PDB file of N, CA and C in Angstrom:
ATOM      1  N   MET A   1       1.080  -1.252   0.330  1.00  0.00           N
ATOM      2  CA  MET A   1       0.036  -0.132  -0.365  1.00  0.00           C
ATOM      3  C   MET A   1       0.909   1.426   0.233  1.00  0.00           C
ATOM      4  N   HIS A   2       0.876   1.837  -1.300  1.00  0.00           N
ATOM      5  CA  HIS A   2       1.966   3.250  -1.412  1.00  0.00           C
ATOM      6  C   HIS A   2       1.142   4.097  -0.941  1.00  0.00           C
ATOM      7  N   GLU A   3       0.141   4.301  -0.814  1.00  0.00           N
ATOM      8  CA  GLU A   3      -0.993   5.287  -0.633  1.00  0.00           C
ATOM      9  C   GLU A   3      -0.541   5.934   0.725  1.00  0.00           C
ATOM     10  N   LEU A   4      -0.028   5.308   1.758  1.00  0.00           N
ATOM     11  CA  LEU A   4       0.432   5.902   3.110  1.00  0.00           C
ATOM     12  C   LEU A   4       1.672   6.859   2.700  1.00  0.00           C
ATOM     13  N   GLY A   5       2.505   6.569   2.090  1.00  0.00           N
ATOM     14  CA  GLY A   5       3.692   7.314   1.636  1.00  0.00           C
ATOM     15  C   GLY A   5       3.040   8.839   1.024  1.00  0.00           C
ATOM     16  N   VAL A   6       2.373   8.633   0.001  1.00  0.00           N
ATOM     17  CA  VAL A   6       1.633   9.626  -0.786  1.00  0.00           C
ATOM     18  C   VAL A   6       1.274  10.698  -0.114  1.00  0.00           C
ATOM     19  N   VAL A   7      -0.134   9.934   0.722  1.00  0.00           N
ATOM     20  CA  VAL A   7      -0.563  11.232   1.762  1.00  0.00           C
ATOM     21  C   VAL A   7       0.118  11.432   2.846  1.00  0.00           C
ATOM     22  N   ILE A   8       1.267  10.970   3.309  1.00  0.00           N
ATOM     23  CA  ILE A   8       2.359  11.760   4.127  1.00  0.00           C
ATOM     24  C   ILE A   8       3.205  13.038   3.425  1.00  0.00           C
ATOM     25  N   GLU A   9       3.048  12.725   2.270  1.00  0.00           N
ATOM     26  CA  GLU A   9       4.170  13.804   1.601  1.00  0.00           C
ATOM     27  C   GLU A   9       2.767  14.719   1.156  1.00  0.00           C
ATOM     28  N   VAL A  10       1.442  14.610   0.862  1.00  0.00           N
ATOM     29  CA  VAL A  10       0.417  15.455   0.912  1.00  0.00           C
ATOM     30  C   VAL A  10       0.391  16.331   2.257  1.00  0.00           C
ATOM     31  N   ILE A  11       0.294  15.783   3.022  1.00  0.00           N
ATOM     32  CA  ILE A  11       0.428  16.439   4.779  1.00  0.00           C
ATOM     33  C   ILE A  11       1.395  17.683   4.777  1.00  0.00           C
ATOM     34  N   LYS A  12       2.732  17.074   4.181  1.00  0.00           N
ATOM     35  CA  LYS A  12       3.443  18.076   4.172  1.00  0.00           C
ATOM     36  C   LYS A  12       3.705  18.923   3.655  1.00  0.00           C
ATOM     37  N   THR A  13       2.997  18.871   2.379  1.00  0.00           N
ATOM     38  CA  THR A  13       2.717  20.046   1.502  1.00  0.00           C
ATOM     39  C   THR A  13       1.787  20.985   2.068  1.00  0.00           C
ATOM     40  N   VAL A  14       0.372  20.299   2.769  1.00  0.00           N
ATOM     41  CA  VAL A  14      -0.295  21.228   3.080  1.00  0.00           C
ATOM     42  C   VAL A  14       0.210  21.904   4.454  1.00  0.00           C
ATOM     43  N   GLU A  15       0.739  21.311   5.071  1.00  0.00           N
ATOM     44  CA  GLU A  15       1.210  22.105   6.322  1.00  0.00           C
ATOM     45  C   GLU A  15       2.263  23.186   6.154  1.00  0.00           C
ATOM     46  N   ASP A  16       3.320  22.684   4.739  1.00  0.00           N
ATOM     47  CA  ASP A  16       4.148  23.876   4.346  1.00  0.00           C
ATOM     48  C   ASP A  16       3.128  25.253   3.616  1.00  0.00           C
ATOM     49  N   PHE A  17       2.178  24.927   3.245  1.00  0.00           N
ATOM     50  CA  PHE A  17       1.528  25.926   2.838  1.00  0.00           C
ATOM     51  C   PHE A  17       1.037  26.558   3.760  1.00  0.00           C
ATOM     52  N   ALA A  18       0.182  25.745   4.571  1.00  0.00           N
ATOM     53  CA  ALA A  18      -0.417  26.332   6.049  1.00  0.00           C
ATOM     54  C   ALA A  18       0.653  27.706   6.458  1.00  0.00           C
ATOM     55  N   LYS A  19       1.751  26.985   6.920  1.00  0.00           N
ATOM     56  CA  LYS A  19       2.695  28.150   7.487  1.00  0.00           C
ATOM     57  C   LYS A  19       2.974  28.841   6.487  1.00  0.00           C
ATOM     58  N   LYS A  20       3.158  28.964   5.187  1.00  0.00           N
ATOM     59  CA  LYS A  20       3.688  29.928   4.664  1.00  0.00           C
ATOM     60  C   LYS A  20       2.420  30.984   4.271  1.00  0.00           C
ATOM     61  N   ASN A  21       1.496  30.775   4.754  1.00  0.00           N
ATOM     62  CA  ASN A  21       0.292  31.631   4.767  1.00  0.00           C
ATOM     63  C   ASN A  21      -0.566  31.802   5.780  1.00  0.00           C
ATOM     64  N   GLY A  22       0.022  31.873   6.944  1.00  0.00           N
ATOM     65  CA  GLY A  22      -0.461  32.257   8.680  1.00  0.00           C
ATOM     66  C   GLY A  22      -1.841  31.322   8.699  1.00  0.00           C
ATOM     67  N   VAL A  23      -2.256  30.105   7.627  1.00  0.00           N
ATOM     68  CA  VAL A  23      -3.096  29.307   8.390  1.00  0.00           C
ATOM     69  C   VAL A  23      -2.786  28.503   9.859  1.00  0.00           C
ATOM     70  N   THR A  24      -3.713  28.604  10.595  1.00  0.00           N
ATOM     71  CA  THR A  24      -3.324  28.018  11.771  1.00  0.00           C
ATOM     72  C   THR A  24      -4.039  26.680  12.158  1.00  0.00           C
ATOM     73  N   LYS A  25      -5.212  26.686  11.253  1.00  0.00           N
ATOM     74  CA  LYS A  25      -6.497  25.625  11.195  1.00  0.00           C
ATOM     75  C   LYS A  25      -7.277  25.365  10.221  1.00  0.00           C
ATOM     76  N   ILE A  26      -7.201  23.818   9.982  1.00  0.00           N
ATOM     77  CA  ILE A  26      -7.640  23.481   8.552  1.00  0.00           C
ATOM     78  C   ILE A  26      -9.062  22.518   8.636  1.00  0.00           C
ATOM     79  N   ASP A  27      -9.935  23.104   8.387  1.00  0.00           N
ATOM     80  CA  ASP A  27     -11.267  22.265   8.615  1.00  0.00           C
ATOM     81  C   ASP A  27     -11.670  20.723   7.489  1.00  0.00           C
ATOM     82  N   THR A  28     -11.371  21.097   6.121  1.00  0.00           N
ATOM     83  CA  THR A  28     -11.203  19.726   5.461  1.00  0.00           C
ATOM     84  C   THR A  28     -10.303  20.123   4.507  1.00  0.00           C
ATOM     85  N   LEU A  29      -9.770  18.729   3.710  1.00  0.00           N
ATOM     86  CA  LEU A  29      -8.744  18.562   2.995  1.00  0.00           C
ATOM     87  C   LEU A  29      -9.668  18.062   2.026  1.00  0.00           C
ATOM     88  N   VAL A  30      -9.546  18.739   0.610  1.00  0.00           N
ATOM     89  CA  VAL A  30     -10.317  18.020  -0.296  1.00  0.00           C
ATOM     90  C   VAL A  30      -9.057  17.739  -1.965  1.00  0.00           C
ATOM     91  N   LEU A  31      -9.217  16.292  -1.996  1.00  0.00           N
ATOM     92  CA  LEU A  31      -8.038  15.490  -3.116  1.00  0.00           C
ATOM     93  C   LEU A  31      -9.098  15.252  -3.978  1.00  0.00           C
ATOM     94  N   GLN A  32      -8.167  15.267  -5.091  1.00  0.00           N
ATOM     95  CA  GLN A  32      -8.846  14.661  -6.397  1.00  0.00           C
ATOM     96  C   GLN A  32      -8.316  13.555  -6.732  1.00  0.00           C
ATOM     97  N   ILE A  33      -8.797  12.415  -6.807  1.00  0.00           N
ATOM     98  CA  ILE A  33      -8.280  11.337  -7.164  1.00  0.00           C
ATOM     99  C   ILE A  33      -8.927  10.425  -9.014  1.00  0.00           C
ATOM    100  N   GLY A  34      -8.193  10.323  -9.794  1.00  0.00           N
ATOM    101  CA  GLY A  34      -8.568  10.046 -11.119  1.00  0.00           C
ATOM    102  C   GLY A  34      -8.885   8.142 -10.742  1.00  0.00           C
ATOM    103  N   GLU A  35      -9.749   8.257 -11.609  1.00  0.00           N
ATOM    104  CA  GLU A  35     -10.262   6.348 -11.885  1.00  0.00           C
ATOM    105  C   GLU A  35      -9.285   5.868 -12.039  1.00  0.00           C
ATOM    106  N   LEU A  36      -8.285   6.527 -12.908  1.00  0.00           N
ATOM    107  CA  LEU A  36      -7.078   5.429 -13.799  1.00  0.00           C
ATOM    108  C   LEU A  36      -5.686   5.729 -13.193  1.00  0.00           C
ATOM    109  N   SER A  37      -6.039   6.414 -11.822  1.00  0.00           N
ATOM    110  CA  SER A  37      -4.722   6.416 -10.997  1.00  0.00           C
ATOM    111  C   SER A  37      -4.467   5.631 -10.227  1.00  0.00           C
ATOM    112  N   SER A  38      -3.010   5.141  -9.898  1.00  0.00           N
ATOM    113  CA  SER A  38      -2.829   4.364  -8.832  1.00  0.00           C
ATOM    114  C   SER A  38      -3.079   4.096  -7.229  1.00  0.00           C
ATOM    115  N   MET A  39      -3.667   5.504  -7.359  1.00  0.00           N
ATOM    116  CA  MET A  39      -3.924   5.483  -6.040  1.00  0.00           C
ATOM    117  C   MET A  39      -5.408   4.855  -5.813  1.00  0.00           C
ATOM    118  N   ILE A  40      -5.860   4.386  -4.549  1.00  0.00           N
ATOM    119  CA  ILE A  40      -7.281   3.940  -4.584  1.00  0.00           C
ATOM    120  C   ILE A  40      -7.585   4.685  -3.453  1.00  0.00           C
ATOM    121  N   PRO A  41      -8.648   5.323  -3.520  1.00  0.00           N
ATOM    122  CA  PRO A  41      -9.418   6.296  -2.512  1.00  0.00           C
ATOM    123  C   PRO A  41      -9.955   5.388  -1.365  1.00  0.00           C
ATOM    124  N   LYS A  42     -10.409   4.311  -1.352  1.00  0.00           N
ATOM    125  CA  LYS A  42     -10.850   3.842   0.273  1.00  0.00           C
ATOM    126  C   LYS A  42      -9.505   3.358   1.115  1.00  0.00           C
ATOM    127  N   TYR A  43      -8.206   3.243   0.160  1.00  0.00           N
ATOM    128  CA  TYR A  43      -6.772   3.189   0.868  1.00  0.00           C
ATOM    129  C   TYR A  43      -6.356   4.329   1.767  1.00  0.00           C
ATOM    130  N   VAL A  44      -6.493   5.587   0.630  1.00  0.00           N
ATOM    131  CA  VAL A  44      -6.304   6.968   0.980  1.00  0.00           C
ATOM    132  C   VAL A  44      -7.201   7.218   2.140  1.00  0.00           C
ATOM    133  N   GLU A  45      -8.282   6.979   2.490  1.00  0.00           N
ATOM    134  CA  GLU A  45      -9.305   7.060   3.275  1.00  0.00           C
ATOM    135  C   GLU A  45      -8.849   6.549   4.717  1.00  0.00           C
ATOM    136  N   ALA A  46      -8.443   5.370   4.328  1.00  0.00           N
ATOM    137  CA  ALA A  46      -8.086   4.362   5.377  1.00  0.00           C
ATOM    138  C   ALA A  46      -6.672   4.799   6.195  1.00  0.00           C
ATOM    139  N   CYS A  47      -6.028   5.162   5.295  1.00  0.00           N
ATOM    140  CA  CYS A  47      -4.512   5.527   6.067  1.00  0.00           C
ATOM    141  C   CYS A  47      -4.424   6.937   6.506  1.00  0.00           C
ATOM    142  N   TYR A  48      -5.211   7.781   6.180  1.00  0.00           N
ATOM    143  CA  TYR A  48      -5.544   9.287   6.403  1.00  0.00           C
ATOM    144  C   TYR A  48      -5.460   9.246   7.716  1.00  0.00           C
ATOM    145  N   PRO A  49      -6.148   9.132   8.708  1.00  0.00           N
ATOM    146  CA  PRO A  49      -5.760   9.291  10.379  1.00  0.00           C
ATOM    147  C   PRO A  49      -4.663   9.198  10.838  1.00  0.00           C
ATOM    148  N   ALA A  50      -3.870   7.904  10.474  1.00  0.00           N
ATOM    149  CA  ALA A  50      -2.736   7.706  10.949  1.00  0.00           C
ATOM    150  C   ALA A  50      -1.863   8.977  10.145  1.00  0.00           C
ATOM    151  N   ALA A  51      -1.872   8.849   8.854  1.00  0.00           N
ATOM    152  CA  ALA A  51      -1.260  10.173   8.415  1.00  0.00           C
ATOM    153  C   ALA A  51      -1.234  11.629   8.877  1.00  0.00           C
ATOM    154  N   VAL A  52      -2.399  11.989   9.407  1.00  0.00           N
ATOM    155  CA  VAL A  52      -2.563  13.146  10.162  1.00  0.00           C
ATOM    156  C   VAL A  52      -2.038  13.315  11.639  1.00  0.00           C
ATOM    157  N   ASP A  53      -1.959  12.240  12.190  1.00  0.00           N
ATOM    158  CA  ASP A  53      -1.830  12.070  13.705  1.00  0.00           C
ATOM    159  C   ASP A  53      -0.736  13.419  13.857  1.00  0.00           C
ATOM    160  N   GLY A  54      -0.858  13.867  15.148  1.00  0.00           N
ATOM    161  CA  GLY A  54       0.085  14.503  15.444  1.00  0.00           C
ATOM    162  C   GLY A  54       0.260  15.833  14.616  1.00  0.00           C
ATOM    163  N   THR A  55      -0.060  16.284  13.558  1.00  0.00           N
ATOM    164  CA  THR A  55       0.193  17.220  12.710  1.00  0.00           C
ATOM    165  C   THR A  55      -0.880  18.214  12.879  1.00  0.00           C
ATOM    166  N   LEU A  56      -0.903  19.451  11.951  1.00  0.00           N
ATOM    167  CA  LEU A  56      -1.773  20.487  11.780  1.00  0.00           C
ATOM    168  C   LEU A  56      -3.490  20.061  11.390  1.00  0.00           C
ATOM    169  N   LEU A  57      -2.960  19.043  10.578  1.00  0.00           N
ATOM    170  CA  LEU A  57      -4.179  18.583   9.973  1.00  0.00           C
ATOM    171  C   LEU A  57      -5.036  17.544  10.703  1.00  0.00           C
ATOM    172  N   GLN A  58      -4.680  17.018  12.027  1.00  0.00           N
ATOM    173  CA  GLN A  58      -4.889  16.206  12.907  1.00  0.00           C
ATOM    174  C   GLN A  58      -6.631  15.889  12.853  1.00  0.00           C
ATOM    175  N   GLU A  59      -7.108  17.034  13.338  1.00  0.00           N
ATOM    176  CA  GLU A  59      -8.927  17.395  13.269  1.00  0.00           C
ATOM    177  C   GLU A  59      -9.524  17.913  11.875  1.00  0.00           C
ATOM    178  N   THR A  60      -8.782  17.370  10.906  1.00  0.00           N
ATOM    179  CA  THR A  60      -9.463  17.863   9.560  1.00  0.00           C
ATOM    180  C   THR A  60     -10.382  16.739   9.052  1.00  0.00           C
ATOM    181  N   LYS A  61     -11.033  17.015   8.547  1.00  0.00           N
ATOM    182  CA  LYS A  61     -11.938  16.065   7.365  1.00  0.00           C
ATOM    183  C   LYS A  61     -11.135  15.899   6.168  1.00  0.00           C
ATOM    184  N   LEU A  62     -11.411  14.304   5.621  1.00  0.00           N
ATOM    185  CA  LEU A  62     -10.572  14.584   4.206  1.00  0.00           C
ATOM    186  C   LEU A  62     -12.255  14.086   2.924  1.00  0.00           C
ATOM    187  N   LYS A  63     -11.907  14.899   2.240  1.00  0.00           N
ATOM    188  CA  LYS A  63     -13.099  14.874   1.269  1.00  0.00           C
ATOM    189  C   LYS A  63     -12.597  14.587  -0.014  1.00  0.00           C
ATOM    190  N   ILE A  64     -13.002  13.300  -0.793  1.00  0.00           N
ATOM    191  CA  ILE A  64     -12.305  13.101  -1.955  1.00  0.00           C
ATOM    192  C   ILE A  64     -13.195  12.916  -3.214  1.00  0.00           C
ATOM    193  N   GLU A  65     -12.852  13.594  -4.379  1.00  0.00           N
ATOM    194  CA  GLU A  65     -13.380  13.727  -5.302  1.00  0.00           C
ATOM    195  C   GLU A  65     -12.824  12.497  -6.566  1.00  0.00           C
ATOM    196  N   ILE A  66     -13.753  11.722  -6.908  1.00  0.00           N
ATOM    197  CA  ILE A  66     -12.988  10.957  -8.125  1.00  0.00           C
ATOM    198  C   ILE A  66     -13.146  11.635  -9.512  1.00  0.00           C
ATOM    199  N   MET A  67     -12.408  11.422 -10.066  1.00  0.00           N
ATOM    200  CA  MET A  67     -12.101  12.401 -11.518  1.00  0.00           C
ATOM    201  C   MET A  67     -12.537  10.856 -12.438  1.00  0.00           C
ATOM    202  N   PRO A  68     -13.251  11.586 -13.739  1.00  0.00           N
ATOM    203  CA  PRO A  68     -13.474  10.481 -14.444  1.00  0.00           C
ATOM    204  C   PRO A  68     -12.562   9.945 -15.148  1.00  0.00           C
ATOM    205  N   GLY A  69     -12.414   8.778 -15.561  1.00  0.00           N
ATOM    206  CA  GLY A  69     -11.463   8.373 -16.454  1.00  0.00           C
ATOM    207  C   GLY A  69     -11.687   8.359 -17.917  1.00  0.00           C
ATOM    208  N   ASN A  70     -11.595   9.412 -18.377  1.00  0.00           N
ATOM    209  CA  ASN A  70     -12.273   9.458 -20.015  1.00  0.00           C
ATOM    210  C   ASN A  70     -11.480   9.473 -21.082  1.00  0.00           C
ATOM    211  N   ALA A  71     -11.635   9.075 -22.492  1.00  0.00           N
ATOM    212  CA  ALA A  71     -10.450   8.947 -23.259  1.00  0.00           C
ATOM    213  C   ALA A  71     -11.276   9.604 -24.704  1.00  0.00           C
ATOM    214  N   ILE A  72     -10.639   9.738 -25.874  1.00  0.00           N
ATOM    215  CA  ILE A  72     -11.293  10.294 -27.271  1.00  0.00           C
ATOM    216  C   ILE A  72     -10.756   9.389 -28.167  1.00  0.00           C
ATOM    217  N   CYS A  73     -11.541   8.620 -28.974  1.00  0.00           N
ATOM    218  CA  CYS A  73     -11.305   7.598 -29.918  1.00  0.00           C
ATOM    219  C   CYS A  73     -10.682   8.169 -30.688  1.00  0.00           C
ATOM    220  N   LYS A  74      -9.620   7.503 -31.489  1.00  0.00           N
ATOM    221  CA  LYS A  74      -8.949   8.458 -32.958  1.00  0.00           C
ATOM    222  C   LYS A  74      -9.547   7.799 -34.133  1.00  0.00           C
ATOM    223  N   ASN A  75     -10.480   7.028 -33.902  1.00  0.00           N
ATOM    224  CA  ASN A  75     -11.091   6.779 -35.114  1.00  0.00           C
ATOM    225  C   ASN A  75     -12.440   7.624 -35.190  1.00  0.00           C
ATOM    226  N   CYS A  76     -13.337   7.736 -34.623  1.00  0.00           N
ATOM    227  CA  CYS A  76     -14.618   8.782 -34.634  1.00  0.00           C
ATOM    228  C   CYS A  76     -15.029  10.056 -33.510  1.00  0.00           C
ATOM    229  N   ASN A  77     -13.685  10.420 -32.965  1.00  0.00           N
ATOM    230  CA  ASN A  77     -13.585  11.378 -32.122  1.00  0.00           C
ATOM    231  C   ASN A  77     -14.667  11.559 -30.664  1.00  0.00           C
ATOM    232  N   LYS A  78     -15.191  10.165 -30.610  1.00  0.00           N
ATOM    233  CA  LYS A  78     -16.137  10.357 -29.465  1.00  0.00           C
ATOM    234  C   LYS A  78     -15.417  10.343 -28.465  1.00  0.00           C
ATOM    235  N   VAL A  79     -15.859  11.099 -27.216  1.00  0.00           N
ATOM    236  CA  VAL A  79     -15.092  10.765 -25.915  1.00  0.00           C
ATOM    237  C   VAL A  79     -16.415  10.093 -25.151  1.00  0.00           C
ATOM    238  N   PHE A  80     -15.357   9.271 -24.421  1.00  0.00           N
ATOM    239  CA  PHE A  80     -15.946   8.451 -23.526  1.00  0.00           C
ATOM    240  C   PHE A  80     -15.325   7.828 -22.037  1.00  0.00           C
ATOM    241  N   ASN A  81     -16.098   7.225 -21.071  1.00  0.00           N
ATOM    242  CA  ASN A  81     -15.429   6.551 -20.113  1.00  0.00           C
ATOM    243  C   ASN A  81     -14.793   5.506 -20.203  1.00  0.00           C
ATOM    244  N   LEU A  82     -13.756   5.346 -20.265  1.00  0.00           N
ATOM    245  CA  LEU A  82     -12.961   4.286 -20.136  1.00  0.00           C
ATOM    246  C   LEU A  82     -13.512   2.925 -19.295  1.00  0.00           C
ATOM    247  N   ILE A  83     -13.738   3.405 -18.223  1.00  0.00           N
ATOM    248  CA  ILE A  83     -13.953   2.381 -17.176  1.00  0.00           C
ATOM    249  C   ILE A  83     -15.866   1.800 -17.607  1.00  0.00           C
ATOM    250  N   GLU A  84     -16.476   2.519 -17.932  1.00  0.00           N
ATOM    251  CA  GLU A  84     -17.795   2.270 -18.072  1.00  0.00           C
ATOM    252  C   GLU A  84     -17.606   1.434 -19.317  1.00  0.00           C
ATOM    253  N   ASN A  85     -17.458   1.553 -20.511  1.00  0.00           N
ATOM    254  CA  ASN A  85     -17.119   1.012 -21.392  1.00  0.00           C
ATOM    255  C   ASN A  85     -16.139  -0.044 -22.295  1.00  0.00           C
ATOM    256  N   ASN A  86     -15.472  -0.669 -20.752  1.00  0.00           N
ATOM    257  CA  ASN A  86     -14.579  -1.472 -21.192  1.00  0.00           C
ATOM    258  C   ASN A  86     -13.692  -1.178 -21.986  1.00  0.00           C
ATOM    259  N   ASN A  87     -13.000  -0.114 -22.004  1.00  0.00           N
ATOM    260  CA  ASN A  87     -11.524   0.684 -22.974  1.00  0.00           C
ATOM    261  C   ASN A  87     -11.927   0.533 -24.298  1.00  0.00           C
ATOM    262  N   ARG A  88     -13.360   0.443 -24.366  1.00  0.00           N
ATOM    263  CA  ARG A  88     -13.656   0.401 -26.376  1.00  0.00           C
ATOM    264  C   ARG A  88     -14.824   1.516 -26.541  1.00  0.00           C
ATOM    265  N   CYS A  89     -14.557   2.026 -27.713  1.00  0.00           N
ATOM    266  CA  CYS A  89     -15.524   3.390 -27.788  1.00  0.00           C
ATOM    267  C   CYS A  89     -17.118   2.695 -28.037  1.00  0.00           C
ATOM    268  N   PRO A  90     -17.667   3.310 -27.182  1.00  0.00           N
ATOM    269  CA  PRO A  90     -18.941   3.117 -27.177  1.00  0.00           C
ATOM    270  C   PRO A  90     -19.920   3.029 -28.720  1.00  0.00           C
ATOM    271  N   ARG A  91     -19.353   4.577 -29.327  1.00  0.00           N
ATOM    272  CA  ARG A  91     -19.673   4.373 -30.926  1.00  0.00           C
ATOM    273  C   ARG A  91     -19.439   3.561 -31.872  1.00  0.00           C
ATOM    274  N   CYS A  92     -17.717   3.347 -31.927  1.00  0.00           N
ATOM    275  CA  CYS A  92     -17.564   2.162 -33.485  1.00  0.00           C
ATOM    276  C   CYS A  92     -16.684   1.305 -32.587  1.00  0.00           C
ATOM    277  N   GLY A  93     -16.494   0.824 -31.265  1.00  0.00           N
ATOM    278  CA  GLY A  93     -15.933  -0.230 -30.704  1.00  0.00           C
ATOM    279  C   GLY A  93     -14.462  -0.126 -31.184  1.00  0.00           C
ATOM    280  N   SER A  94     -13.836   0.990 -31.275  1.00  0.00           N
ATOM    281  CA  SER A  94     -12.351   0.658 -31.518  1.00  0.00           C
ATOM    282  C   SER A  94     -11.531   0.878 -29.885  1.00  0.00           C
ATOM    283  N   GLN A  95     -10.409   0.319 -29.867  1.00  0.00           N
ATOM    284  CA  GLN A  95      -9.642   0.699 -28.590  1.00  0.00           C
ATOM    285  C   GLN A  95      -8.536   1.450 -29.225  1.00  0.00           C
ATOM    286  N   ASP A  96      -8.582   2.334 -30.203  1.00  0.00           N
ATOM    287  CA  ASP A  96      -7.695   3.181 -30.260  1.00  0.00           C
ATOM    288  C   ASP A  96      -8.163   4.478 -29.941  1.00  0.00           C
ATOM    289  N   ARG A  97      -7.287   4.708 -28.974  1.00  0.00           N
ATOM    290  CA  ARG A  97      -7.970   5.989 -28.194  1.00  0.00           C
ATOM    291  C   ARG A  97      -6.822   6.519 -27.230  1.00  0.00           C
ATOM    292  N   GLU A  98      -7.077   7.942 -26.742  1.00  0.00           N
ATOM    293  CA  GLU A  98      -6.070   8.724 -26.224  1.00  0.00           C
ATOM    294  C   GLU A  98      -6.635   9.353 -24.820  1.00  0.00           C
ATOM    295  N   ILE A  99      -5.888   9.097 -23.738  1.00  0.00           N
ATOM    296  CA  ILE A  99      -6.679   9.490 -22.410  1.00  0.00           C
ATOM    297  C   ILE A  99      -6.314  11.129 -21.901  1.00  0.00           C
ATOM    298  N   LEU A 100      -7.803  11.255 -21.890  1.00  0.00           N
ATOM    299  CA  LEU A 100      -7.896  12.613 -21.515  1.00  0.00           C
ATOM    300  C   LEU A 100      -8.056  13.347 -20.063  1.00  0.00           C
ATOM    301  N   SER A 101      -8.643  12.113 -19.154  1.00  0.00           N
ATOM    302  CA  SER A 101      -8.361  12.311 -17.901  1.00  0.00           C
ATOM    303  C   SER A 101      -8.653  10.747 -17.349  1.00  0.00           C
ATOM    304  N   GLY A 102      -8.471  11.248 -15.795  1.00  0.00           N
ATOM    305  CA  GLY A 102      -8.634  10.415 -14.960  1.00  0.00           C
ATOM    306  C   GLY A 102      -7.224   9.715 -14.213  1.00  0.00           C
ATOM    307  N   LYS A 103      -6.153  10.014 -14.546  1.00  0.00           N
ATOM    308  CA  LYS A 103      -4.949   9.595 -14.383  1.00  0.00           C
ATOM    309  C   LYS A 103      -4.428  10.890 -12.739  1.00  0.00           C
ATOM    310  N   GLU A 104      -5.456  11.584 -12.670  1.00  0.00           N
ATOM    311  CA  GLU A 104      -4.746  12.574 -11.753  1.00  0.00           C
ATOM    312  C   GLU A 104      -4.708  12.260 -10.343  1.00  0.00           C
ATOM    313  N   PHE A 105      -3.915  12.678  -9.603  1.00  0.00           N
ATOM    314  CA  PHE A 105      -4.050  12.839  -8.026  1.00  0.00           C
ATOM    315  C   PHE A 105      -3.720  14.028  -7.234  1.00  0.00           C
ATOM    316  N   MET A 106      -4.433  15.041  -7.102  1.00  0.00           N
ATOM    317  CA  MET A 106      -3.873  16.358  -6.575  1.00  0.00           C
ATOM    318  C   MET A 106      -4.490  16.925  -5.532  1.00  0.00           C
ATOM    319  N   ILE A 107      -4.187  17.977  -4.891  1.00  0.00           N
ATOM    320  CA  ILE A 107      -4.753  18.509  -3.778  1.00  0.00           C
ATOM    321  C   ILE A 107      -5.670  19.831  -4.579  1.00  0.00           C
ATOM    322  N   LYS A 108      -7.151  19.343  -4.273  1.00  0.00           N
ATOM    323  CA  LYS A 108      -8.075  20.248  -4.794  1.00  0.00           C
ATOM    324  C   LYS A 108      -8.162  21.642  -4.030  1.00  0.00           C
ATOM    325  N   GLU A 109      -8.165  21.513  -2.982  1.00  0.00           N
ATOM    326  CA  GLU A 109      -8.879  22.418  -1.803  1.00  0.00           C
ATOM    327  C   GLU A 109      -8.449  22.663  -0.458  1.00  0.00           C
ATOM    328  N   ILE A 110      -7.703  23.270   0.240  1.00  0.00           N
ATOM    329  CA  ILE A 110      -7.468  23.499   1.378  1.00  0.00           C
ATOM    330  C   ILE A 110      -8.572  24.193   2.048  1.00  0.00           C
ATOM    331  N   ILE A 111      -9.386  24.132   3.058  1.00  0.00           N
ATOM    332  CA  ILE A 111     -10.455  24.557   3.512  1.00  0.00           C
ATOM    333  C   ILE A 111     -10.233  25.245   4.754  1.00  0.00           C
ATOM    334  N   ALA A 112      -9.743  26.464   5.416  1.00  0.00           N
ATOM    335  CA  ALA A 112      -9.602  26.836   6.275  1.00  0.00           C
ATOM    336  C   ALA A 112     -10.630  27.240   7.410  1.00  0.00           C
ATOM    337  N   CYS A 113     -10.560  27.022   8.834  1.00  0.00           N
ATOM    338  CA  CYS A 113     -11.459  27.175   9.465  1.00  0.00           C
ATOM    339  C   CYS A 113     -11.730  28.595  10.058  1.00  0.00           C
TER     340      CYS A 113
END
């Protein structure tokens, strides 16, 4: 489970941001995780309490937004969700596509109190 190490780095980034901007209390941390990302949202949620223990974020809530894994078909230009369509274009059935989104893992928002 590599999620713990990544979440610890996120916490360090948020703490550095808070210190530089005079933020002393954070209510909510919002992360965006793509459907095609190597990060598994339920594992991120599971390790979050341990990662924030003893940090500025100890009392924060974690909110995760799942970003769709979308692609565009190189044959017919249809934009479609890769997971919902088993990696095939729903219009023409092609697997020749370019990924547009879904690999993201980023801090979307830090909500201060």
